[in-house]
Amino acid sequence: MEWLEFNRWSPDVQTRIALQVARLNEVSVHLPKTQVTATQAYHLQSMLRRHASTNPWGHPSAES
C-alpha cells in the first residue's frame, strides 16, 4: 500500500498549502459578523480577488 509510505508533501504542495492558509486566515479575519450587506459582500469579493487562488492538488479551477 503506497499511501502508507507517504513521508511528506512536496515543496511545491507545501508552498501552495501555506498560501491557501494565509488566504483563508485573512478572509476569516474580515468575515462579516451577523448580517451581510451588499457593500460587505462586494468588499469581501474584491479582497478575495487581490489574492491568487491556490490549488495544491493541481485540479483545474472551478472559477475562471
C-alpha atoms as a PDB file:
ATOM      1  CA  MET A   1       0.000   0.000   0.000  1.00  0.00           C
ATOM      2  CA  GLU A   2       1.787   3.052  -1.301  1.00  0.00           C
ATOM      3  CA  TRP A   3      -0.180   5.544   0.763  1.00  0.00           C
ATOM      4  CA  LEU A   4       1.290   4.073   3.955  1.00  0.00           C
ATOM      5  CA  GLU A   5       4.759   5.067   2.738  1.00  0.00           C
ATOM      6  CA  PHE A   6       3.859   8.740   2.440  1.00  0.00           C
ATOM      7  CA  ASN A   7       6.645  10.794   4.059  1.00  0.00           C
ATOM      8  CA  ARG A   8       5.764  14.416   3.362  1.00  0.00           C
ATOM      9  CA  TRP A   9       4.277  16.852   0.868  1.00  0.00           C
ATOM     10  CA  SER A  10       6.455  18.036  -1.985  1.00  0.00           C
ATOM     11  CA  PRO A  11       7.919  21.558  -1.539  1.00  0.00           C
ATOM     12  CA  ASP A  12       5.552  22.888  -4.218  1.00  0.00           C
ATOM     13  CA  VAL A  13       2.496  21.480  -2.452  1.00  0.00           C
ATOM     14  CA  GLN A  14       3.743  22.797   0.912  1.00  0.00           C
ATOM     15  CA  THR A  15       4.080  26.278  -0.602  1.00  0.00           C
ATOM     16  CA  ARG A  16       0.612  26.149  -2.127  1.00  0.00           C
ATOM     17  CA  ILE A  17      -0.942  24.954   1.114  1.00  0.00           C
ATOM     18  CA  ALA A  18       0.813  27.751   3.017  1.00  0.00           C
ATOM     19  CA  LEU A  19      -0.603  30.289   0.542  1.00  0.00           C
ATOM     20  CA  GLN A  20      -4.068  28.806   0.980  1.00  0.00           C
ATOM     21  CA  VAL A  21      -3.745  29.015   4.775  1.00  0.00           C
ATOM     22  CA  ALA A  22      -2.675  32.666   4.564  1.00  0.00           C
ATOM     23  CA  ARG A  23      -5.555  33.466   2.230  1.00  0.00           C
ATOM     24  CA  LEU A  24      -8.121  31.727   4.422  1.00  0.00           C
ATOM     25  CA  ASN A  25      -6.735  33.413   7.520  1.00  0.00           C
ATOM     26  CA  GLU A  26      -7.121  36.870   6.005  1.00  0.00           C
ATOM     27  CA  VAL A  27     -10.643  36.075   4.851  1.00  0.00           C
ATOM     28  CA  SER A  28     -11.649  34.713   8.255  1.00  0.00           C
ATOM     29  CA  VAL A  29     -10.420  37.879   9.983  1.00  0.00           C
ATOM     30  CA  HIS A  30     -12.621  40.052   7.768  1.00  0.00           C
ATOM     31  CA  LEU A  31     -15.757  37.918   7.710  1.00  0.00           C
ATOM     32  CA  PRO A  32     -18.968  39.812   8.396  1.00  0.00           C
ATOM     33  CA  LYS A  33     -20.333  39.194  11.872  1.00  0.00           C
ATOM     34  CA  THR A  34     -24.089  38.623  11.634  1.00  0.00           C
ATOM     35  CA  GLN A  35     -25.622  40.364   8.651  1.00  0.00           C
ATOM     36  CA  VAL A  36     -24.105  40.651   5.214  1.00  0.00           C
ATOM     37  CA  THR A  37     -24.877  43.768   3.235  1.00  0.00           C
ATOM     38  CA  ALA A  38     -24.212  44.242  -0.464  1.00  0.00           C
ATOM     39  CA  THR A  39     -21.313  46.558   0.406  1.00  0.00           C
ATOM     40  CA  GLN A  40     -19.748  43.963   2.689  1.00  0.00           C
ATOM     41  CA  ALA A  41     -20.176  41.252   0.051  1.00  0.00           C
ATOM     42  CA  TYR A  42     -18.516  43.475  -2.557  1.00  0.00           C
ATOM     43  CA  HIS A  43     -15.629  44.216  -0.171  1.00  0.00           C
ATOM     44  CA  LEU A  44     -15.092  40.504   0.557  1.00  0.00           C
ATOM     45  CA  GLN A  45     -15.208  39.642  -3.150  1.00  0.00           C
ATOM     46  CA  SER A  46     -12.677  42.332  -4.028  1.00  0.00           C
ATOM     47  CA  MET A  47     -10.408  41.187  -1.186  1.00  0.00           C
ATOM     48  CA  LEU A  48     -10.512  37.597  -2.473  1.00  0.00           C
ATOM     49  CA  ARG A  49      -9.630  38.755  -5.985  1.00  0.00           C
ATOM     50  CA  ARG A  50      -6.477  40.503  -4.692  1.00  0.00           C
ATOM     51  CA  HIS A  51      -5.047  37.102  -3.767  1.00  0.00           C
ATOM     52  CA  ALA A  52      -4.210  34.440  -6.308  1.00  0.00           C
ATOM     53  CA  SER A  53      -6.320  31.375  -5.794  1.00  0.00           C
ATOM     54  CA  THR A  54      -4.347  28.323  -4.792  1.00  0.00           C
ATOM     55  CA  ASN A  55      -4.953  24.713  -5.649  1.00  0.00           C
ATOM     56  CA  PRO A  56      -2.294  22.413  -4.177  1.00  0.00           C
ATOM     57  CA  TRP A  57      -3.751  19.305  -5.820  1.00  0.00           C
ATOM     58  CA  GLY A  58      -3.413  20.627  -9.367  1.00  0.00           C
ATOM     59  CA  HIS A  59      -7.056  20.201 -10.363  1.00  0.00           C
ATOM     60  CA  PRO A  60      -8.489  22.745 -12.789  1.00  0.00           C
ATOM     61  CA  SER A  61     -10.046  25.709 -11.059  1.00  0.00           C
ATOM     62  CA  ALA A  62     -13.837  25.787 -10.946  1.00  0.00           C
ATOM     63  CA  GLU A  63     -13.762  29.550 -11.389  1.00  0.00           C
ATOM     64  CA  SER A  64     -12.205  31.286 -14.350  1.00  0.00           C
END
